[in-house]
Amino acid sequence: MIDSFLYLPDYPIGHMIAFQIEEQMRKAGSIGTEFERIAKMGRVTPDQWMKNATGAPVGADALLAATERALTEMTAKTER
């Protein structure tokens, strides 16, 4: 970690990418078919790959949407 100064900053980006892919897999009807679709795109830039895989560029939108869903659910439970 000390030698590679770009190693630690990549963690948050990796977590955003992983969450975005997890959300896409959750929405898909067949995980196997969806994985095959997104895994065989070929050589493209990471951002283009994510656009093809999920319909959105790499970003925090999936995390923010999940946060909003969780807060909505939590608010609905506390109002009962």
C-alpha atoms as a PDB file:
ATOM      1  CA  MET A   1       0.000   0.000   0.000  1.00  0.00           C
ATOM      2  CA  ILE A   2       2.874   2.365   0.663  1.00  0.00           C
ATOM      3  CA  ASP A   3       4.506   1.699  -2.725  1.00  0.00           C
ATOM      4  CA  SER A   4       1.387   2.065  -4.798  1.00  0.00           C
ATOM      5  CA  PHE A   5      -0.175   5.457  -4.127  1.00  0.00           C
ATOM      6  CA  LEU A   6      -3.151   4.698  -6.413  1.00  0.00           C
ATOM      7  CA  TYR A   7      -4.041   1.475  -4.581  1.00  0.00           C
ATOM      8  CA  LEU A   8      -6.069   2.884  -1.670  1.00  0.00           C
ATOM      9  CA  PRO A   9      -8.021   5.515  -3.619  1.00  0.00           C
ATOM     10  CA  ASP A  10      -9.306   2.740  -5.906  1.00  0.00           C
ATOM     11  CA  TYR A  11     -11.303   1.115  -3.091  1.00  0.00           C
ATOM     12  CA  PRO A  12     -14.270   3.540  -3.197  1.00  0.00           C
ATOM     13  CA  ILE A  13     -14.479   3.322  -6.991  1.00  0.00           C
ATOM     14  CA  GLY A  14     -14.350  -0.477  -6.813  1.00  0.00           C
ATOM     15  CA  HIS A  15     -17.157  -0.508  -4.257  1.00  0.00           C
ATOM     16  CA  MET A  16     -19.303   1.762  -6.449  1.00  0.00           C
ATOM     17  CA  ILE A  17     -18.719  -0.472  -9.477  1.00  0.00           C
ATOM     18  CA  ALA A  18     -19.475  -3.646  -7.493  1.00  0.00           C
ATOM     19  CA  PHE A  19     -22.691  -2.174  -6.095  1.00  0.00           C
ATOM     20  CA  GLN A  20     -23.799  -0.959  -9.510  1.00  0.00           C
ATOM     21  CA  ILE A  21     -23.277  -4.449 -10.968  1.00  0.00           C
ATOM     22  CA  GLU A  22     -25.045  -6.066  -7.982  1.00  0.00           C
ATOM     23  CA  GLU A  23     -28.066  -3.810  -8.551  1.00  0.00           C
ATOM     24  CA  GLN A  24     -28.115  -4.751 -12.238  1.00  0.00           C
ATOM     25  CA  MET A  25     -27.971  -8.459 -11.351  1.00  0.00           C
ATOM     26  CA  ARG A  26     -30.775  -7.969  -8.830  1.00  0.00           C
ATOM     27  CA  LYS A  27     -32.988  -6.423 -11.528  1.00  0.00           C
ATOM     28  CA  ALA A  28     -32.197  -9.130 -14.095  1.00  0.00           C
ATOM     29  CA  GLY A  29     -34.500 -12.086 -14.461  1.00  0.00           C
ATOM     30  CA  SER A  30     -31.724 -14.613 -15.047  1.00  0.00           C
ATOM     31  CA  ILE A  31     -28.400 -13.954 -13.361  1.00  0.00           C
ATOM     32  CA  GLY A  32     -26.566 -16.358 -15.671  1.00  0.00           C
ATOM     33  CA  THR A  33     -27.859 -14.738 -18.844  1.00  0.00           C
ATOM     34  CA  GLU A  34     -27.208 -11.257 -17.468  1.00  0.00           C
ATOM     35  CA  PHE A  35     -23.669 -12.144 -16.409  1.00  0.00           C
ATOM     36  CA  GLU A  36     -22.938 -13.577 -19.846  1.00  0.00           C
ATOM     37  CA  ARG A  37     -24.312 -10.444 -21.504  1.00  0.00           C
ATOM     38  CA  ILE A  38     -22.153  -8.053 -19.523  1.00  0.00           C
ATOM     39  CA  ALA A  39     -19.055 -10.249 -19.489  1.00  0.00           C
ATOM     40  CA  LYS A  40     -18.657 -10.617 -23.255  1.00  0.00           C
ATOM     41  CA  MET A  41     -18.495  -6.986 -24.337  1.00  0.00           C
ATOM     42  CA  GLY A  42     -14.879  -7.033 -25.445  1.00  0.00           C
ATOM     43  CA  ARG A  43     -12.361  -4.251 -25.208  1.00  0.00           C
ATOM     44  CA  VAL A  44     -14.023  -1.043 -24.145  1.00  0.00           C
ATOM     45  CA  THR A  45     -13.190   1.624 -21.592  1.00  0.00           C
ATOM     46  CA  PRO A  46     -14.454   0.998 -18.043  1.00  0.00           C
ATOM     47  CA  ASP A  47     -17.037   3.752 -18.309  1.00  0.00           C
ATOM     48  CA  GLN A  48     -18.345   2.476 -21.646  1.00  0.00           C
ATOM     49  CA  TRP A  49     -18.444  -1.053 -20.238  1.00  0.00           C
ATOM     50  CA  MET A  50     -20.550   0.147 -17.321  1.00  0.00           C
ATOM     51  CA  LYS A  51     -22.879   2.069 -19.651  1.00  0.00           C
ATOM     52  CA  ASN A  52     -23.384  -1.092 -21.721  1.00  0.00           C
ATOM     53  CA  ALA A  53     -23.772  -3.289 -18.629  1.00  0.00           C
ATOM     54  CA  THR A  54     -26.093  -1.142 -16.535  1.00  0.00           C
ATOM     55  CA  GLY A  55     -27.235   1.720 -18.736  1.00  0.00           C
ATOM     56  CA  ALA A  56     -25.417   4.312 -16.627  1.00  0.00           C
ATOM     57  CA  PRO A  57     -21.805   5.447 -16.300  1.00  0.00           C
ATOM     58  CA  VAL A  58     -19.726   4.570 -13.245  1.00  0.00           C
ATOM     59  CA  GLY A  59     -21.068   6.671 -10.420  1.00  0.00           C
ATOM     60  CA  ALA A  60     -22.871   6.824  -7.129  1.00  0.00           C
ATOM     61  CA  ASP A  61     -26.409   6.847  -8.576  1.00  0.00           C
ATOM     62  CA  ALA A  62     -27.066   3.185  -7.683  1.00  0.00           C
ATOM     63  CA  LEU A  63     -25.887   3.793  -4.113  1.00  0.00           C
ATOM     64  CA  LEU A  64     -28.038   6.897  -3.802  1.00  0.00           C
ATOM     65  CA  ALA A  65     -31.103   5.083  -5.159  1.00  0.00           C
ATOM     66  CA  ALA A  66     -30.579   2.235  -2.678  1.00  0.00           C
ATOM     67  CA  THR A  67     -30.186   4.758   0.139  1.00  0.00           C
ATOM     68  CA  GLU A  68     -33.418   6.454  -0.857  1.00  0.00           C
ATOM     69  CA  ARG A  69     -35.253   3.090  -0.921  1.00  0.00           C
ATOM     70  CA  ALA A  70     -33.884   2.198   2.513  1.00  0.00           C
ATOM     71  CA  LEU A  71     -34.865   5.546   3.993  1.00  0.00           C
ATOM     72  CA  THR A  72     -38.348   5.277   2.487  1.00  0.00           C
ATOM     73  CA  GLU A  73     -38.783   1.794   3.958  1.00  0.00           C
ATOM     74  CA  MET A  74     -37.458   2.916   7.337  1.00  0.00           C
ATOM     75  CA  THR A  75     -39.767   5.946   7.376  1.00  0.00           C
ATOM     76  CA  ALA A  76     -42.759   3.781   6.467  1.00  0.00           C
ATOM     77  CA  LYS A  77     -41.959   1.377   9.332  1.00  0.00           C
ATOM     78  CA  THR A  78     -41.567   4.148  11.902  1.00  0.00           C
ATOM     79  CA  GLU A  79     -44.851   5.783  10.874  1.00  0.00           C
ATOM     80  CA  ARG A  80     -46.839   2.635  11.635  1.00  0.00           C
END
